Amino acid sequence: MNKPTNDKIGLNEIMKRAQEMQKKLQDIQKQVAEMEVIGQSGGGVVKIVMTGQHYAKKVTLDPNLLKEEKSIIEDLIAAAINDATDKIERNLRDKMGGLAGIKLPDGIGDLPK
């Protein structure tokens, strides 16, 4: 027995939607790669400008911070990097959730560490 032609129309529609979704995914990847975020710590005494590809472009330290112990400065730099990374991942998660029409919960869609 022959299958109804509606199956072909359905498959064509699925393929069309998959291609549209792939295009949207590529657009999101480009937007994320081009974005820049500012991670901060210590109330803004340390600022890191980071791209969506996780490259640090600029580090700004408040001059008064340089009077602190080395370990404190190191901790604040690490915290600012983590803040920037979290902002990138939240932005990506929000954009990816919009792709499917849903907002993904925290922890879902995170990049492996």
PDB file of N, CA and C in Angstrom:
ATOM      1  N   MET A   1       0.835  -1.175   0.000  1.00  0.00           N
ATOM      2  CA  MET A   1       0.000   0.000   0.000  1.00  0.00           C
ATOM      3  C   MET A   1       0.883   1.243   0.000  1.00  0.00           C
ATOM      4  N   ASN A   2       0.553   2.206  -0.820  1.00  0.00           N
ATOM      5  CA  ASN A   2       1.311   3.449  -0.905  1.00  0.00           C
ATOM      6  C   ASN A   2       0.996   4.366   0.267  1.00  0.00           C
ATOM      7  N   LYS A   3       2.043   5.052   0.724  1.00  0.00           N
ATOM      8  CA  LYS A   3       1.833   6.018   1.798  1.00  0.00           C
ATOM      9  C   LYS A   3       1.194   7.270   1.214  1.00  0.00           C
ATOM     10  N   PRO A   4       0.415   7.954   2.000  1.00  0.00           N
ATOM     11  CA  PRO A   4      -0.190   9.206   1.511  1.00  0.00           C
ATOM     12  C   PRO A   4       0.898  10.236   1.215  1.00  0.00           C
ATOM     13  N   THR A   5       0.625  11.117   0.283  1.00  0.00           N
ATOM     14  CA  THR A   5       1.593  12.149  -0.091  1.00  0.00           C
ATOM     15  C   THR A   5       1.779  13.177   1.023  1.00  0.00           C
ATOM     16  N   ASN A   6       0.898  13.186   2.006  1.00  0.00           N
ATOM     17  CA  ASN A   6       1.057  14.115   3.123  1.00  0.00           C
ATOM     18  C   ASN A   6       2.367  13.865   3.866  1.00  0.00           C
ATOM     19  N   ASP A   7       2.865  12.618   3.857  1.00  0.00           N
ATOM     20  CA  ASP A   7       4.133  12.313   4.518  1.00  0.00           C
ATOM     21  C   ASP A   7       5.269  13.087   3.872  1.00  0.00           C
ATOM     22  N   LYS A   8       5.261  13.186   2.556  1.00  0.00           N
ATOM     23  CA  LYS A   8       6.305  13.931   1.863  1.00  0.00           C
ATOM     24  C   LYS A   8       6.223  15.410   2.199  1.00  0.00           C
ATOM     25  N   ILE A   9       5.037  15.945   2.233  1.00  0.00           N
ATOM     26  CA  ILE A   9       4.863  17.353   2.577  1.00  0.00           C
ATOM     27  C   ILE A   9       5.354  17.578   4.007  1.00  0.00           C
ATOM     28  N   GLY A  10       5.022  16.675   4.902  1.00  0.00           N
ATOM     29  CA  GLY A  10       5.465  16.797   6.291  1.00  0.00           C
ATOM     30  C   GLY A  10       6.969  16.754   6.405  1.00  0.00           C
ATOM     31  N   LEU A  11       7.603  15.847   5.681  1.00  0.00           N
ATOM     32  CA  LEU A  11       9.057  15.730   5.714  1.00  0.00           C
ATOM     33  C   LEU A  11       9.706  16.981   5.128  1.00  0.00           C
ATOM     34  N   ASN A  12       9.156  17.495   4.050  1.00  0.00           N
ATOM     35  CA  ASN A  12       9.682  18.727   3.453  1.00  0.00           C
ATOM     36  C   ASN A  12       9.582  19.890   4.429  1.00  0.00           C
ATOM     37  N   GLU A  13       8.469  19.963   5.140  1.00  0.00           N
ATOM     38  CA  GLU A  13       8.285  21.036   6.124  1.00  0.00           C
ATOM     39  C   GLU A  13       9.284  20.893   7.262  1.00  0.00           C
ATOM     40  N   ILE A  14       9.526  19.678   7.710  1.00  0.00           N
ATOM     41  CA  ILE A  14      10.504  19.431   8.778  1.00  0.00           C
ATOM     42  C   ILE A  14      11.892  19.842   8.312  1.00  0.00           C
ATOM     43  N   MET A  15      12.257  19.483   7.100  1.00  0.00           N
ATOM     44  CA  MET A  15      13.565  19.848   6.563  1.00  0.00           C
ATOM     45  C   MET A  15      13.706  21.372   6.455  1.00  0.00           C
ATOM     46  N   LYS A  16      12.645  22.028   6.010  1.00  0.00           N
ATOM     47  CA  LYS A  16      12.657  23.484   5.884  1.00  0.00           C
ATOM     48  C   LYS A  16      12.866  24.124   7.254  1.00  0.00           C
ATOM     49  N   ARG A  17      12.157  23.638   8.252  1.00  0.00           N
ATOM     50  CA  ARG A  17      12.291  24.195   9.607  1.00  0.00           C
ATOM     51  C   ARG A  17      13.677  23.915  10.190  1.00  0.00           C
ATOM     52  N   ALA A  18      14.216  22.744   9.887  1.00  0.00           N
ATOM     53  CA  ALA A  18      15.561  22.414  10.370  1.00  0.00           C
ATOM     54  C   ALA A  18      16.587  23.361   9.760  1.00  0.00           C
ATOM     55  N   GLN A  19      16.435  23.672   8.480  1.00  0.00           N
ATOM     56  CA  GLN A  19      17.346  24.606   7.819  1.00  0.00           C
ATOM     57  C   GLN A  19      17.208  26.011   8.406  1.00  0.00           C
ATOM     58  N   GLU A  20      15.977  26.420   8.696  1.00  0.00           N
ATOM     59  CA  GLU A  20      15.757  27.729   9.311  1.00  0.00           C
ATOM     60  C   GLU A  20      16.412  27.790  10.690  1.00  0.00           C
ATOM     61  N   MET A  21      16.254  26.708  11.462  1.00  0.00           N
ATOM     62  CA  MET A  21      16.835  26.659  12.792  1.00  0.00           C
ATOM     63  C   MET A  21      18.363  26.680  12.705  1.00  0.00           C
ATOM     64  N   GLN A  22      18.923  25.972  11.735  1.00  0.00           N
ATOM     65  CA  GLN A  22      20.375  25.960  11.558  1.00  0.00           C
ATOM     66  C   GLN A  22      20.875  27.366  11.227  1.00  0.00           C
ATOM     67  N   LYS A  23      20.168  28.095  10.390  1.00  0.00           N
ATOM     68  CA  LYS A  23      20.539  29.471  10.036  1.00  0.00           C
ATOM     69  C   LYS A  23      20.481  30.353  11.276  1.00  0.00           C
ATOM     70  N   LYS A  24      19.427  30.209  12.072  1.00  0.00           N
ATOM     71  CA  LYS A  24      19.311  31.006  13.292  1.00  0.00           C
ATOM     72  C   LYS A  24      20.443  30.677  14.259  1.00  0.00           C
ATOM     73  N   LEU A  25      20.807  29.416  14.351  1.00  0.00           N
ATOM     74  CA  LEU A  25      21.898  28.996  15.224  1.00  0.00           C
ATOM     75  C   LEU A  25      23.209  29.637  14.770  1.00  0.00           C
ATOM     76  N   GLN A  26      23.455  29.657  13.479  1.00  0.00           N
ATOM     77  CA  GLN A  26      24.661  30.286  12.948  1.00  0.00           C
ATOM     78  C   GLN A  26      24.669  31.784  13.251  1.00  0.00           C
ATOM     79  N   ASP A  27      23.503  32.422  13.135  1.00  0.00           N
ATOM     80  CA  ASP A  27      23.399  33.851  13.455  1.00  0.00           C
ATOM     81  C   ASP A  27      23.713  34.096  14.932  1.00  0.00           C
ATOM     82  N   ILE A  28      23.196  33.238  15.810  1.00  0.00           N
ATOM     83  CA  ILE A  28      23.447  33.367  17.246  1.00  0.00           C
ATOM     84  C   ILE A  28      24.925  33.182  17.536  1.00  0.00           C
ATOM     85  N   GLN A  29      25.547  32.183  16.921  1.00  0.00           N
ATOM     86  CA  GLN A  29      26.977  31.945  17.136  1.00  0.00           C
ATOM     87  C   GLN A  29      27.793  33.161  16.712  1.00  0.00           C
ATOM     88  N   LYS A  30      27.415  33.790  15.613  1.00  0.00           N
ATOM     89  CA  LYS A  30      28.123  34.981  15.135  1.00  0.00           C
ATOM     90  C   LYS A  30      27.923  36.136  16.119  1.00  0.00           C
ATOM     91  N   GLN A  31      26.683  36.326  16.586  1.00  0.00           N
ATOM     92  CA  GLN A  31      26.411  37.402  17.542  1.00  0.00           C
ATOM     93  C   GLN A  31      27.219  37.215  18.828  1.00  0.00           C
ATOM     94  N   VAL A  32      27.258  35.998  19.325  1.00  0.00           N
ATOM     95  CA  VAL A  32      27.991  35.725  20.559  1.00  0.00           C
ATOM     96  C   VAL A  32      29.487  35.941  20.347  1.00  0.00           C
ATOM     97  N   ALA A  33      30.007  35.486  19.215  1.00  0.00           N
ATOM     98  CA  ALA A  33      31.439  35.658  18.933  1.00  0.00           C
ATOM     99  C   ALA A  33      31.816  37.134  18.864  1.00  0.00           C
ATOM    100  N   GLU A  34      30.914  37.973  18.382  1.00  0.00           N
ATOM    101  CA  GLU A  34      31.201  39.398  18.215  1.00  0.00           C
ATOM    102  C   GLU A  34      30.942  40.229  19.466  1.00  0.00           C
ATOM    103  N   MET A  35      30.248  39.667  20.451  1.00  0.00           N
ATOM    104  CA  MET A  35      29.898  40.463  21.622  1.00  0.00           C
ATOM    105  C   MET A  35      31.089  40.662  22.551  1.00  0.00           C
ATOM    106  N   GLU A  36      30.997  41.706  23.353  1.00  0.00           N
ATOM    107  CA  GLU A  36      31.968  41.961  24.400  1.00  0.00           C
ATOM    108  C   GLU A  36      31.206  42.190  25.700  1.00  0.00           C
ATOM    109  N   VAL A  37      31.752  41.681  26.784  1.00  0.00           N
ATOM    110  CA  VAL A  37      31.161  41.887  28.104  1.00  0.00           C
ATOM    111  C   VAL A  37      32.238  42.434  29.029  1.00  0.00           C
ATOM    112  N   ILE A  38      31.782  43.039  30.121  1.00  0.00           N
ATOM    113  CA  ILE A  38      32.708  43.528  31.134  1.00  0.00           C
ATOM    114  C   ILE A  38      32.435  42.758  32.423  1.00  0.00           C
ATOM    115  N   GLY A  39      33.435  42.007  32.852  1.00  0.00           N
ATOM    116  CA  GLY A  39      33.362  41.323  34.134  1.00  0.00           C
ATOM    117  C   GLY A  39      34.008  42.206  35.185  1.00  0.00           C
ATOM    118  N   GLN A  40      33.398  42.238  36.368  1.00  0.00           N
ATOM    119  CA  GLN A  40      33.904  43.101  37.424  1.00  0.00           C
ATOM    120  C   GLN A  40      34.016  42.335  38.731  1.00  0.00           C
ATOM    121  N   SER A  41      34.863  42.853  39.603  1.00  0.00           N
ATOM    122  CA  SER A  41      34.927  42.326  40.964  1.00  0.00           C
ATOM    123  C   SER A  41      35.396  43.441  41.886  1.00  0.00           C
ATOM    124  N   GLY A  42      35.210  43.205  43.179  1.00  0.00           N
ATOM    125  CA  GLY A  42      35.640  44.193  44.163  1.00  0.00           C
ATOM    126  C   GLY A  42      34.928  45.521  44.010  1.00  0.00           C
ATOM    127  N   GLY A  43      33.661  45.479  43.624  1.00  0.00           N
ATOM    128  CA  GLY A  43      32.917  46.721  43.447  1.00  0.00           C
ATOM    129  C   GLY A  43      33.410  47.554  42.279  1.00  0.00           C
ATOM    130  N   GLY A  44      34.046  46.909  41.315  1.00  0.00           N
ATOM    131  CA  GLY A  44      34.500  47.592  40.110  1.00  0.00           C
ATOM    132  C   GLY A  44      35.972  47.985  40.132  1.00  0.00           C
ATOM    133  N   VAL A  45      36.710  47.562  41.170  1.00  0.00           N
ATOM    134  CA  VAL A  45      38.142  47.893  41.195  1.00  0.00           C
ATOM    135  C   VAL A  45      38.920  47.083  40.168  1.00  0.00           C
ATOM    136  N   VAL A  46      38.357  45.938  39.758  1.00  0.00           N
ATOM    137  CA  VAL A  46      38.940  45.140  38.677  1.00  0.00           C
ATOM    138  C   VAL A  46      37.874  44.975  37.609  1.00  0.00           C
ATOM    139  N   LYS A  47      38.240  45.280  36.370  1.00  0.00           N
ATOM    140  CA  LYS A  47      37.331  45.119  35.229  1.00  0.00           C
ATOM    141  C   LYS A  47      38.074  44.381  34.130  1.00  0.00           C
ATOM    142  N   ILE A  48      37.381  43.404  33.545  1.00  0.00           N
ATOM    143  CA  ILE A  48      37.925  42.615  32.435  1.00  0.00           C
ATOM    144  C   ILE A  48      36.966  42.752  31.257  1.00  0.00           C
ATOM    145  N   VAL A  49      37.467  43.184  30.110  1.00  0.00           N
ATOM    146  CA  VAL A  49      36.669  43.182  28.880  1.00  0.00           C
ATOM    147  C   VAL A  49      36.987  41.874  28.178  1.00  0.00           C
ATOM    148  N   MET A  50      35.930  41.087  27.904  1.00  0.00           N
ATOM    149  CA  MET A  50      36.103  39.769  27.297  1.00  0.00           C
ATOM    150  C   MET A  50      35.169  39.625  26.110  1.00  0.00           C
ATOM    151  N   THR A  51      35.658  38.974  25.063  1.00  0.00           N
ATOM    152  CA  THR A  51      34.819  38.711  23.888  1.00  0.00           C
ATOM    153  C   THR A  51      33.960  37.473  24.132  1.00  0.00           C
ATOM    154  N   GLY A  52      32.988  37.290  23.268  1.00  0.00           N
ATOM    155  CA  GLY A  52      32.135  36.109  23.341  1.00  0.00           C
ATOM    156  C   GLY A  52      32.888  34.813  23.100  1.00  0.00           C
ATOM    157  N   GLN A  53      34.101  34.916  22.586  1.00  0.00           N
ATOM    158  CA  GLN A  53      34.942  33.734  22.372  1.00  0.00           C
ATOM    159  C   GLN A  53      35.876  33.509  23.561  1.00  0.00           C
ATOM    160  N   HIS A  54      35.599  34.208  24.655  1.00  0.00           N
ATOM    161  CA  HIS A  54      36.345  34.070  25.911  1.00  0.00           C
ATOM    162  C   HIS A  54      37.786  34.550  25.827  1.00  0.00           C
ATOM    163  N   TYR A  55      38.042  35.564  25.003  1.00  0.00           N
ATOM    164  CA  TYR A  55      39.362  36.183  24.942  1.00  0.00           C
ATOM    165  C   TYR A  55      39.323  37.472  25.750  1.00  0.00           C
ATOM    166  N   ALA A  56      40.256  37.618  26.670  1.00  0.00           N
ATOM    167  CA  ALA A  56      40.350  38.852  27.437  1.00  0.00           C
ATOM    168  C   ALA A  56      40.990  39.914  26.546  1.00  0.00           C
ATOM    169  N   LYS A  57      40.309  41.064  26.406  1.00  0.00           N
ATOM    170  CA  LYS A  57      40.824  42.148  25.564  1.00  0.00           C
ATOM    171  C   LYS A  57      41.488  43.236  26.392  1.00  0.00           C
ATOM    172  N   LYS A  58      40.994  43.414  27.616  1.00  0.00           N
ATOM    173  CA  LYS A  58      41.520  44.511  28.418  1.00  0.00           C
ATOM    174  C   LYS A  58      41.307  44.207  29.895  1.00  0.00           C
ATOM    175  N   VAL A  59      42.296  44.563  30.703  1.00  0.00           N
ATOM    176  CA  VAL A  59      42.209  44.445  32.154  1.00  0.00           C
ATOM    177  C   VAL A  59      42.434  45.838  32.726  1.00  0.00           C
ATOM    178  N   THR A  60      41.509  46.272  33.580  1.00  0.00           N
ATOM    179  CA  THR A  60      41.643  47.573  34.219  1.00  0.00           C
ATOM    180  C   THR A  60      41.662  47.373  35.728  1.00  0.00           C
ATOM    181  N   LEU A  61      42.694  47.927  36.378  1.00  0.00           N
ATOM    182  CA  LEU A  61      42.824  47.851  37.829  1.00  0.00           C
ATOM    183  C   LEU A  61      42.778  49.259  38.408  1.00  0.00           C
ATOM    184  N   ASP A  62      41.975  49.439  39.437  1.00  0.00           N
ATOM    185  CA  ASP A  62      41.972  50.709  40.158  1.00  0.00           C
ATOM    186  C   ASP A  62      43.368  50.896  40.762  1.00  0.00           C
ATOM    187  N   PRO A  63      43.986  52.063  40.604  1.00  0.00           N
ATOM    188  CA  PRO A  63      45.344  52.272  41.134  1.00  0.00           C
ATOM    189  C   PRO A  63      45.469  51.988  42.634  1.00  0.00           C
ATOM    190  N   ASN A  64      44.422  52.241  43.402  1.00  0.00           N
ATOM    191  CA  ASN A  64      44.469  51.967  44.841  1.00  0.00           C
ATOM    192  C   ASN A  64      44.582  50.476  45.142  1.00  0.00           C
ATOM    193  N   LEU A  65      44.142  49.653  44.207  1.00  0.00           N
ATOM    194  CA  LEU A  65      44.206  48.207  44.401  1.00  0.00           C
ATOM    195  C   LEU A  65      45.649  47.718  44.480  1.00  0.00           C
ATOM    196  N   LEU A  66      46.537  48.415  43.815  1.00  0.00           N
ATOM    197  CA  LEU A  66      47.935  47.988  43.762  1.00  0.00           C
ATOM    198  C   LEU A  66      48.628  48.052  45.121  1.00  0.00           C
ATOM    199  N   LYS A  67      47.985  48.679  46.083  1.00  0.00           N
ATOM    200  CA  LYS A  67      48.518  48.732  47.451  1.00  0.00           C
ATOM    201  C   LYS A  67      48.190  47.459  48.229  1.00  0.00           C
ATOM    202  N   GLU A  68      47.286  46.652  47.696  1.00  0.00           N
ATOM    203  CA  GLU A  68      46.850  45.426  48.368  1.00  0.00           C
ATOM    204  C   GLU A  68      47.864  44.302  48.164  1.00  0.00           C
ATOM    205  N   GLU A  69      47.667  43.249  48.950  1.00  0.00           N
ATOM    206  CA  GLU A  69      48.525  42.072  48.822  1.00  0.00           C
ATOM    207  C   GLU A  69      48.301  41.409  47.467  1.00  0.00           C
ATOM    208  N   LYS A  70      49.345  40.793  46.981  1.00  0.00           N
ATOM    209  CA  LYS A  70      49.315  40.115  45.678  1.00  0.00           C
ATOM    210  C   LYS A  70      48.184  39.099  45.607  1.00  0.00           C
ATOM    211  N   SER A  71      47.979  38.308  46.650  1.00  0.00           N
ATOM    212  CA  SER A  71      46.946  37.261  46.626  1.00  0.00           C
ATOM    213  C   SER A  71      45.542  37.855  46.505  1.00  0.00           C
ATOM    214  N   ILE A  72      45.311  39.019  47.088  1.00  0.00           N
ATOM    215  CA  ILE A  72      44.005  39.678  46.972  1.00  0.00           C
ATOM    216  C   ILE A  72      43.780  40.129  45.532  1.00  0.00           C
ATOM    217  N   ILE A  73      44.796  40.713  44.929  1.00  0.00           N
ATOM    218  CA  ILE A  73      44.690  41.169  43.535  1.00  0.00           C
ATOM    219  C   ILE A  73      44.426  39.977  42.611  1.00  0.00           C
ATOM    220  N   GLU A  74      45.145  38.897  42.838  1.00  0.00           N
ATOM    221  CA  GLU A  74      44.956  37.690  42.017  1.00  0.00           C
ATOM    222  C   GLU A  74      43.535  37.160  42.149  1.00  0.00           C
ATOM    223  N   ASP A  75      43.014  37.114  43.366  1.00  0.00           N
ATOM    224  CA  ASP A  75      41.642  36.633  43.585  1.00  0.00           C
ATOM    225  C   ASP A  75      40.623  37.527  42.892  1.00  0.00           C
ATOM    226  N   LEU A  76      40.830  38.843  42.951  1.00  0.00           N
ATOM    227  CA  LEU A  76      39.900  39.772  42.312  1.00  0.00           C
ATOM    228  C   LEU A  76      39.947  39.655  40.789  1.00  0.00           C
ATOM    229  N   ILE A  77      41.123  39.431  40.233  1.00  0.00           N
ATOM    230  CA  ILE A  77      41.231  39.237  38.782  1.00  0.00           C
ATOM    231  C   ILE A  77      40.494  37.958  38.370  1.00  0.00           C
ATOM    232  N   ALA A  78      40.710  36.876  39.122  1.00  0.00           N
ATOM    233  CA  ALA A  78      40.018  35.617  38.818  1.00  0.00           C
ATOM    234  C   ALA A  78      38.505  35.804  38.914  1.00  0.00           C
ATOM    235  N   ALA A  79      38.043  36.531  39.930  1.00  0.00           N
ATOM    236  CA  ALA A  79      36.602  36.759  40.097  1.00  0.00           C
ATOM    237  C   ALA A  79      36.032  37.573  38.937  1.00  0.00           C
ATOM    238  N   ALA A  80      36.774  38.556  38.445  1.00  0.00           N
ATOM    239  CA  ALA A  80      36.311  39.362  37.317  1.00  0.00           C
ATOM    240  C   ALA A  80      36.240  38.528  36.036  1.00  0.00           C
ATOM    241  N   ILE A  81      37.212  37.646  35.851  1.00  0.00           N
ATOM    242  CA  ILE A  81      37.189  36.742  34.691  1.00  0.00           C
ATOM    243  C   ILE A  81      35.961  35.833  34.773  1.00  0.00           C
ATOM    244  N   ASN A  82      35.713  35.286  35.947  1.00  0.00           N
ATOM    245  CA  ASN A  82      34.548  34.407  36.125  1.00  0.00           C
ATOM    246  C   ASN A  82      33.246  35.170  35.892  1.00  0.00           C
ATOM    247  N   ASP A  83      33.174  36.423  36.324  1.00  0.00           N
ATOM    248  CA  ASP A  83      31.985  37.242  36.100  1.00  0.00           C
ATOM    249  C   ASP A  83      31.747  37.440  34.604  1.00  0.00           C
ATOM    250  N   ALA A  84      32.801  37.745  33.862  1.00  0.00           N
ATOM    251  CA  ALA A  84      32.673  37.927  32.412  1.00  0.00           C
ATOM    252  C   ALA A  84      32.232  36.633  31.736  1.00  0.00           C
ATOM    253  N   THR A  85      32.834  35.521  32.140  1.00  0.00           N
ATOM    254  CA  THR A  85      32.469  34.219  31.568  1.00  0.00           C
ATOM    255  C   THR A  85      31.005  33.892  31.847  1.00  0.00           C
ATOM    256  N   ASP A  86      30.553  34.150  33.063  1.00  0.00           N
ATOM    257  CA  ASP A  86      29.148  33.907  33.409  1.00  0.00           C
ATOM    258  C   ASP A  86      28.215  34.757  32.551  1.00  0.00           C
ATOM    259  N   LYS A  87      28.583  36.002  32.300  1.00  0.00           N
ATOM    260  CA  LYS A  87      27.753  36.879  31.470  1.00  0.00           C
ATOM    261  C   LYS A  87      27.656  36.349  30.038  1.00  0.00           C
ATOM    262  N   ILE A  88      28.759  35.874  29.503  1.00  0.00           N
ATOM    263  CA  ILE A  88      28.746  35.309  28.151  1.00  0.00           C
ATOM    264  C   ILE A  88      27.839  34.082  28.102  1.00  0.00           C
ATOM    265  N   GLU A  89      27.979  33.196  29.068  1.00  0.00           N
ATOM    266  CA  GLU A  89      27.186  31.962  29.070  1.00  0.00           C
ATOM    267  C   GLU A  89      25.700  32.247  29.280  1.00  0.00           C
ATOM    268  N   ARG A  90      25.370  33.222  30.129  1.00  0.00           N
ATOM    269  CA  ARG A  90      23.953  33.590  30.313  1.00  0.00           C
ATOM    270  C   ARG A  90      23.386  34.143  29.014  1.00  0.00           C
ATOM    271  N   ASN A  91      24.167  34.987  28.347  1.00  0.00           N
ATOM    272  CA  ASN A  91      23.725  35.566  27.087  1.00  0.00           C
ATOM    273  C   ASN A  91      23.489  34.474  26.043  1.00  0.00           C
ATOM    274  N   LEU A  92      24.425  33.537  25.953  1.00  0.00           N
ATOM    275  CA  LEU A  92      24.287  32.421  25.010  1.00  0.00           C
ATOM    276  C   LEU A  92      23.060  31.578  25.354  1.00  0.00           C
ATOM    277  N   ARG A  93      22.882  31.268  26.628  1.00  0.00           N
ATOM    278  CA  ARG A  93      21.741  30.458  27.065  1.00  0.00           C
ATOM    279  C   ARG A  93      20.425  31.157  26.726  1.00  0.00           C
ATOM    280  N   ASP A  94      20.366  32.474  26.947  1.00  0.00           N
ATOM    281  CA  ASP A  94      19.146  33.226  26.632  1.00  0.00           C
ATOM    282  C   ASP A  94      18.862  33.198  25.133  1.00  0.00           C
ATOM    283  N   LYS A  95      19.907  33.383  24.324  1.00  0.00           N
ATOM    284  CA  LYS A  95      19.725  33.374  22.873  1.00  0.00           C
ATOM    285  C   LYS A  95      19.332  31.979  22.372  1.00  0.00           C
ATOM    286  N   MET A  96      19.950  30.946  22.925  1.00  0.00           N
ATOM    287  CA  MET A  96      19.630  29.577  22.506  1.00  0.00           C
ATOM    288  C   MET A  96      18.218  29.206  22.931  1.00  0.00           C
ATOM    289  N   GLY A  97      17.806  29.646  24.095  1.00  0.00           N
ATOM    290  CA  GLY A  97      16.441  29.390  24.548  1.00  0.00           C
ATOM    291  C   GLY A  97      15.433  30.048  23.636  1.00  0.00           C
ATOM    292  N   GLY A  98      15.765  31.247  23.161  1.00  0.00           N
ATOM    293  CA  GLY A  98      14.885  31.947  22.233  1.00  0.00           C
ATOM    294  C   GLY A  98      14.780  31.232  20.902  1.00  0.00           C
ATOM    295  N   LEU A  99      15.823  30.513  20.539  1.00  0.00           N
ATOM    296  CA  LEU A  99      15.823  29.756  19.281  1.00  0.00           C
ATOM    297  C   LEU A  99      14.724  28.701  19.298  1.00  0.00           C
ATOM    298  N   ALA A 100      14.565  28.045  20.421  1.00  0.00           N
ATOM    299  CA  ALA A 100      13.558  26.995  20.530  1.00  0.00           C
ATOM    300  C   ALA A 100      12.225  27.531  21.042  1.00  0.00           C
ATOM    301  N   GLY A 101      12.212  28.830  21.366  1.00  0.00           N
ATOM    302  CA  GLY A 101      10.995  29.414  21.875  1.00  0.00           C
ATOM    303  C   GLY A 101      10.814  29.196  23.374  1.00  0.00           C
ATOM    304  N   ILE A 102      11.860  28.730  24.034  1.00  0.00           N
ATOM    305  CA  ILE A 102      11.797  28.516  25.474  1.00  0.00           C
ATOM    306  C   ILE A 102      13.056  29.083  26.121  1.00  0.00           C
ATOM    307  N   LYS A 103      12.955  29.420  27.393  1.00  0.00           N
ATOM    308  CA  LYS A 103      14.127  29.872  28.146  1.00  0.00           C
ATOM    309  C   LYS A 103      14.650  28.666  28.907  1.00  0.00           C
ATOM    310  N   LEU A 104      15.913  28.342  28.678  1.00  0.00           N
ATOM    311  CA  LEU A 104      16.507  27.189  29.338  1.00  0.00           C
ATOM    312  C   LEU A 104      16.826  27.522  30.791  1.00  0.00           C
ATOM    313  N   PRO A 105      16.626  26.575  31.700  1.00  0.00           N
ATOM    314  CA  PRO A 105      16.961  26.823  33.103  1.00  0.00           C
ATOM    315  C   PRO A 105      18.463  26.925  33.292  1.00  0.00           C
ATOM    316  N   ASP A 106      18.886  27.566  34.386  1.00  0.00           N
ATOM    317  CA  ASP A 106      20.305  27.686  34.691  1.00  0.00           C
ATOM    318  C   ASP A 106      20.939  26.319  34.715  1.00  0.00           C
ATOM    319  N   GLY A 107      22.144  26.230  34.155  1.00  0.00           N
ATOM    320  CA  GLY A 107      22.877  24.975  34.137  1.00  0.00           C
ATOM    321  C   GLY A 107      22.642  24.158  32.879  1.00  0.00           C
ATOM    322  N   ILE A 108      21.537  24.398  32.179  1.00  0.00           N
ATOM    323  CA  ILE A 108      21.241  23.689  30.940  1.00  0.00           C
ATOM    324  C   ILE A 108      21.824  24.479  29.788  1.00  0.00           C
ATOM    325  N   GLY A 109      22.609  23.844  28.957  1.00  0.00           N
ATOM    326  CA  GLY A 109      23.207  24.515  27.812  1.00  0.00           C
ATOM    327  C   GLY A 109      24.523  25.181  28.142  1.00  0.00           C
ATOM    328  N   ASP A 110      24.997  25.007  29.401  1.00  0.00           N
ATOM    329  CA  ASP A 110      26.287  25.582  29.767  1.00  0.00           C
ATOM    330  C   ASP A 110      27.386  24.857  29.014  1.00  0.00           C
ATOM    331  N   LEU A 111      28.439  25.585  28.756  1.00  0.00           N
ATOM    332  CA  LEU A 111      29.594  24.990  28.103  1.00  0.00           C
ATOM    333  C   LEU A 111      30.379  24.175  29.119  1.00  0.00           C
ATOM    334  N   PRO A 112      30.997  23.088  28.708  1.00  0.00           N
ATOM    335  CA  PRO A 112      31.812  22.306  29.646  1.00  0.00           C
ATOM    336  C   PRO A 112      32.971  23.133  30.154  1.00  0.00           C
ATOM    337  N   LYS A 113      33.330  22.886  31.393  1.00  0.00           N
ATOM    338  CA  LYS A 113      34.432  23.660  31.992  1.00  0.00           C
ATOM    339  C   LYS A 113      35.700  22.863  31.954  1.00  0.00           C
TER     340      LYS A 113
END
